[in-house]
């Protein structure tokens, strides 16, 4: 049986895959960060962060990892789990 901590990690990673923009927006607001604050942390424009949050931009995996590590301070383990799930999802999409 999974611990509560493990369940939270899996839920967080699943949200990053299914609703990256929403996760980013919620994190930014919960931590009282402006669009500009987040943009400076990850090295892009505030308008790009805004478009990601509104789901009008779908950033590549390398940029998502940059946001997760630099902008949201995810652990290496969580990023690795995220990558595993992204790769698994891509493989499933190619099979279908």
N, C-alpha and C. Protein backbone atom coordinates (compact mmCIF):
# COMPACT_ATOMS: atom_id res chain seq x y z
N UNK A 1 0.84 -1.19 0.00
CA UNK A 1 0.00 0.00 0.00
C UNK A 1 0.88 1.25 0.00
N UNK A 2 0.48 2.23 -0.79
CA UNK A 2 1.26 3.46 -0.90
C UNK A 2 1.00 4.36 0.30
N UNK A 3 2.06 5.06 0.70
CA UNK A 3 1.92 6.03 1.78
C UNK A 3 1.22 7.28 1.24
N UNK A 4 0.75 8.11 2.15
CA UNK A 4 0.11 9.36 1.74
C UNK A 4 1.07 10.23 0.96
N UNK A 5 2.34 10.23 1.37
CA UNK A 5 3.36 11.01 0.68
C UNK A 5 3.51 10.54 -0.76
N UNK A 6 3.56 9.24 -0.96
CA UNK A 6 3.69 8.67 -2.30
C UNK A 6 2.45 9.00 -3.14
N UNK A 7 1.28 8.91 -2.55
CA UNK A 7 0.05 9.25 -3.27
C UNK A 7 0.06 10.70 -3.72
N UNK A 8 0.52 11.61 -2.84
CA UNK A 8 0.60 13.03 -3.19
C UNK A 8 1.59 13.27 -4.33
N UNK A 9 2.71 12.57 -4.29
CA UNK A 9 3.71 12.69 -5.37
C UNK A 9 3.11 12.26 -6.70
N UNK A 10 2.43 11.12 -6.70
CA UNK A 10 1.84 10.61 -7.93
C UNK A 10 0.76 11.57 -8.45
N UNK A 11 -0.07 12.08 -7.56
CA UNK A 11 -1.11 13.04 -7.95
C UNK A 11 -0.49 14.30 -8.55
N UNK A 12 0.58 14.80 -7.93
CA UNK A 12 1.27 16.00 -8.41
C UNK A 12 1.84 15.76 -9.81
N UNK A 13 2.47 14.62 -10.00
CA UNK A 13 3.06 14.28 -11.30
C UNK A 13 1.96 14.11 -12.34
N UNK A 14 0.90 13.43 -12.00
CA UNK A 14 -0.21 13.26 -12.95
C UNK A 14 -0.80 14.61 -13.35
N UNK A 15 -0.91 15.51 -12.41
CA UNK A 15 -1.43 16.85 -12.73
C UNK A 15 -0.47 17.58 -13.65
N UNK A 16 0.82 17.42 -13.43
CA UNK A 16 1.81 18.07 -14.30
C UNK A 16 1.68 17.57 -15.73
N UNK A 17 1.28 16.33 -15.90
CA UNK A 17 1.12 15.76 -17.23
C UNK A 17 -0.21 16.19 -17.84
N UNK A 18 -1.27 16.13 -17.07
CA UNK A 18 -2.62 16.40 -17.60
C UNK A 18 -2.99 17.88 -17.65
N UNK A 19 -2.47 18.67 -16.72
CA UNK A 19 -2.85 20.09 -16.63
C UNK A 19 -1.65 20.92 -16.18
N UNK A 20 -0.62 20.95 -17.02
CA UNK A 20 0.61 21.65 -16.64
C UNK A 20 0.35 23.13 -16.37
N UNK A 21 -0.44 23.76 -17.24
CA UNK A 21 -0.73 25.19 -17.06
C UNK A 21 -1.45 25.47 -15.75
N UNK A 22 -2.41 24.64 -15.42
CA UNK A 22 -3.15 24.82 -14.17
C UNK A 22 -2.27 24.60 -12.94
N UNK A 23 -1.40 23.60 -13.03
CA UNK A 23 -0.45 23.34 -11.93
C UNK A 23 0.47 24.54 -11.74
N UNK A 24 0.98 25.05 -12.84
CA UNK A 24 1.88 26.21 -12.78
C UNK A 24 1.17 27.42 -12.19
N UNK A 25 -0.04 27.71 -12.66
CA UNK A 25 -0.81 28.85 -12.15
C UNK A 25 -1.07 28.71 -10.65
N UNK A 26 -1.53 27.51 -10.23
CA UNK A 26 -1.83 27.29 -8.82
C UNK A 26 -0.57 27.45 -7.96
N UNK A 27 0.54 26.87 -8.42
CA UNK A 27 1.79 26.99 -7.67
C UNK A 27 2.19 28.46 -7.53
N UNK A 28 2.13 29.18 -8.63
CA UNK A 28 2.54 30.58 -8.63
C UNK A 28 1.68 31.39 -7.66
N UNK A 29 0.37 31.17 -7.70
CA UNK A 29 -0.53 31.94 -6.83
C UNK A 29 -0.38 31.54 -5.36
N UNK A 30 -0.22 30.24 -5.10
CA UNK A 30 -0.05 29.77 -3.72
C UNK A 30 1.23 30.32 -3.10
N UNK A 31 2.23 30.60 -3.94
CA UNK A 31 3.51 31.10 -3.46
C UNK A 31 3.69 32.60 -3.69
N UNK A 32 2.58 33.28 -4.01
CA UNK A 32 2.55 34.74 -4.17
C UNK A 32 3.59 35.24 -5.18
N UNK A 33 3.70 34.51 -6.29
CA UNK A 33 4.63 34.89 -7.35
C UNK A 33 3.85 35.53 -8.49
N UNK A 34 4.40 36.59 -9.04
CA UNK A 34 3.79 37.20 -10.23
C UNK A 34 4.23 36.43 -11.46
N UNK A 35 3.59 36.72 -12.57
CA UNK A 35 4.03 36.13 -13.84
C UNK A 35 5.49 36.48 -14.10
N UNK A 36 5.84 37.73 -13.81
CA UNK A 36 7.22 38.18 -14.01
C UNK A 36 8.19 37.44 -13.10
N UNK A 37 7.81 37.22 -11.84
CA UNK A 37 8.67 36.46 -10.92
C UNK A 37 8.99 35.08 -11.49
N UNK A 38 7.96 34.39 -11.94
CA UNK A 38 8.15 33.05 -12.47
C UNK A 38 8.98 33.09 -13.75
N UNK A 39 8.69 34.06 -14.60
CA UNK A 39 9.43 34.19 -15.86
C UNK A 39 10.92 34.40 -15.59
N UNK A 40 11.25 35.21 -14.60
CA UNK A 40 12.66 35.44 -14.26
C UNK A 40 13.32 34.17 -13.73
N UNK A 41 12.57 33.40 -12.96
CA UNK A 41 13.13 32.16 -12.41
C UNK A 41 13.50 31.16 -13.50
N UNK A 42 12.70 31.10 -14.56
CA UNK A 42 12.91 30.07 -15.58
C UNK A 42 13.48 30.62 -16.89
N UNK A 43 13.66 31.93 -16.98
CA UNK A 43 14.32 32.50 -18.14
C UNK A 43 13.46 32.61 -19.38
N UNK A 44 12.27 33.17 -19.22
CA UNK A 44 11.40 33.41 -20.38
C UNK A 44 10.62 34.69 -20.11
N UNK A 45 9.64 34.96 -20.95
CA UNK A 45 8.83 36.17 -20.75
C UNK A 45 7.60 35.86 -19.90
N UNK A 46 7.10 36.89 -19.27
CA UNK A 46 5.88 36.71 -18.47
C UNK A 46 4.70 36.35 -19.37
N UNK A 47 4.68 36.85 -20.60
CA UNK A 47 3.58 36.51 -21.50
C UNK A 47 3.61 35.02 -21.87
N UNK A 48 4.81 34.43 -21.94
CA UNK A 48 4.89 33.00 -22.23
C UNK A 48 4.34 32.19 -21.06
N UNK A 49 4.66 32.59 -19.84
CA UNK A 49 4.10 31.92 -18.65
C UNK A 49 2.58 32.04 -18.67
N UNK A 50 2.08 33.24 -18.98
CA UNK A 50 0.63 33.46 -19.05
C UNK A 50 -0.01 32.52 -20.06
N UNK A 51 0.59 32.39 -21.24
CA UNK A 51 0.02 31.53 -22.28
C UNK A 51 0.06 30.06 -21.88
N UNK A 52 1.10 29.65 -21.17
CA UNK A 52 1.15 28.27 -20.66
C UNK A 52 0.00 28.05 -19.68
N UNK A 53 -0.17 28.99 -18.77
CA UNK A 53 -1.24 28.86 -17.77
C UNK A 53 -2.62 28.83 -18.41
N UNK A 54 -2.80 29.53 -19.51
CA UNK A 54 -4.10 29.57 -20.20
C UNK A 54 -4.23 28.43 -21.22
N UNK A 55 -3.24 27.57 -21.27
CA UNK A 55 -3.22 26.43 -22.20
C UNK A 55 -3.27 26.82 -23.66
N UNK A 56 -2.75 28.00 -23.99
CA UNK A 56 -2.62 28.37 -25.40
C UNK A 56 -1.22 28.06 -25.91
N UNK A 57 -0.32 27.69 -25.01
CA UNK A 57 1.02 27.22 -25.36
C UNK A 57 1.26 25.91 -24.64
N UNK A 58 1.87 24.98 -25.35
CA UNK A 58 2.18 23.68 -24.79
C UNK A 58 3.70 23.51 -24.88
N UNK A 59 4.42 23.88 -23.83
CA UNK A 59 5.88 23.87 -23.91
C UNK A 59 6.44 22.46 -24.04
N UNK A 60 7.61 22.39 -24.66
CA UNK A 60 8.29 21.11 -24.82
C UNK A 60 8.73 20.59 -23.45
N UNK A 61 9.03 19.31 -23.41
CA UNK A 61 9.38 18.65 -22.14
C UNK A 61 10.59 19.31 -21.48
N UNK A 62 11.60 19.70 -22.24
CA UNK A 62 12.77 20.30 -21.62
C UNK A 62 12.42 21.60 -20.89
N UNK A 63 11.51 22.40 -21.46
CA UNK A 63 11.10 23.62 -20.78
C UNK A 63 10.24 23.31 -19.56
N UNK A 64 9.40 22.30 -19.66
CA UNK A 64 8.59 21.89 -18.50
C UNK A 64 9.49 21.49 -17.34
N UNK A 65 10.55 20.76 -17.66
CA UNK A 65 11.49 20.34 -16.61
C UNK A 65 12.16 21.55 -15.98
N UNK A 66 12.49 22.53 -16.81
CA UNK A 66 13.09 23.76 -16.30
C UNK A 66 12.13 24.45 -15.32
N UNK A 67 10.85 24.51 -15.68
CA UNK A 67 9.85 25.12 -14.80
C UNK A 67 9.71 24.32 -13.51
N UNK A 68 9.65 23.00 -13.64
CA UNK A 68 9.48 22.16 -12.45
C UNK A 68 10.67 22.27 -11.51
N UNK A 69 11.88 22.31 -12.06
CA UNK A 69 13.08 22.34 -11.19
C UNK A 69 13.41 23.74 -10.71
N UNK A 70 13.50 24.69 -11.62
CA UNK A 70 13.90 26.06 -11.23
C UNK A 70 12.75 26.87 -10.67
N UNK A 71 11.59 26.75 -11.29
CA UNK A 71 10.46 27.58 -10.89
C UNK A 71 9.66 27.03 -9.73
N UNK A 72 9.54 25.68 -9.67
CA UNK A 72 8.68 25.07 -8.66
C UNK A 72 9.44 24.21 -7.66
N UNK A 73 10.76 24.14 -7.81
CA UNK A 73 11.64 23.43 -6.86
C UNK A 73 11.28 21.96 -6.65
N UNK A 74 10.92 21.28 -7.74
CA UNK A 74 10.64 19.85 -7.62
C UNK A 74 11.92 19.09 -7.33
N UNK A 75 11.79 18.01 -6.61
CA UNK A 75 12.93 17.15 -6.31
C UNK A 75 13.33 16.35 -7.55
N UNK A 76 14.54 15.86 -7.54
CA UNK A 76 15.02 15.02 -8.64
C UNK A 76 14.12 13.79 -8.81
N UNK A 77 13.69 13.21 -7.70
CA UNK A 77 12.84 12.02 -7.75
C UNK A 77 11.51 12.33 -8.43
N UNK A 78 10.92 13.48 -8.10
CA UNK A 78 9.64 13.85 -8.71
C UNK A 78 9.80 14.13 -10.21
N UNK A 79 10.89 14.79 -10.58
CA UNK A 79 11.14 15.06 -12.00
C UNK A 79 11.36 13.74 -12.74
N UNK A 80 12.07 12.82 -12.14
CA UNK A 80 12.30 11.52 -12.76
C UNK A 80 10.97 10.77 -12.96
N UNK A 81 10.10 10.80 -11.95
CA UNK A 81 8.79 10.17 -12.07
C UNK A 81 7.97 10.84 -13.18
N UNK A 82 8.05 12.16 -13.26
CA UNK A 82 7.38 12.91 -14.32
C UNK A 82 7.87 12.43 -15.69
N UNK A 83 9.18 12.34 -15.86
CA UNK A 83 9.75 11.90 -17.13
C UNK A 83 9.33 10.47 -17.48
N UNK A 84 9.34 9.59 -16.49
CA UNK A 84 8.91 8.22 -16.74
C UNK A 84 7.48 8.18 -17.27
N UNK A 85 6.61 8.97 -16.65
CA UNK A 85 5.20 8.98 -17.06
C UNK A 85 5.01 9.63 -18.42
N UNK A 86 5.76 10.68 -18.71
CA UNK A 86 5.68 11.33 -20.02
C UNK A 86 6.11 10.35 -21.11
N UNK A 87 7.21 9.66 -20.87
CA UNK A 87 7.71 8.69 -21.85
C UNK A 87 6.71 7.56 -22.04
N UNK A 88 6.16 7.07 -20.96
CA UNK A 88 5.17 6.00 -21.02
C UNK A 88 3.94 6.44 -21.81
N UNK A 89 3.49 7.67 -21.56
CA UNK A 89 2.32 8.20 -22.26
C UNK A 89 2.62 8.34 -23.76
N UNK A 90 3.80 8.82 -24.10
CA UNK A 90 4.18 8.95 -25.51
C UNK A 90 4.20 7.61 -26.22
N UNK A 91 4.71 6.59 -25.53
CA UNK A 91 4.74 5.25 -26.11
C UNK A 91 3.33 4.74 -26.37
N UNK A 92 2.44 4.99 -25.44
CA UNK A 92 1.05 4.56 -25.59
C UNK A 92 0.39 5.30 -26.76
N UNK A 93 0.68 6.57 -26.91
CA UNK A 93 0.11 7.35 -28.01
C UNK A 93 0.58 6.84 -29.37
N UNK A 94 1.82 6.40 -29.44
CA UNK A 94 2.35 5.87 -30.70
C UNK A 94 1.76 4.52 -31.04
N UNK A 95 1.39 3.75 -30.03
CA UNK A 95 0.80 2.44 -30.26
C UNK A 95 -0.62 2.58 -30.79
N UNK A 96 -1.35 3.58 -30.29
CA UNK A 96 -2.76 3.77 -30.67
C UNK A 96 -2.94 4.27 -32.05
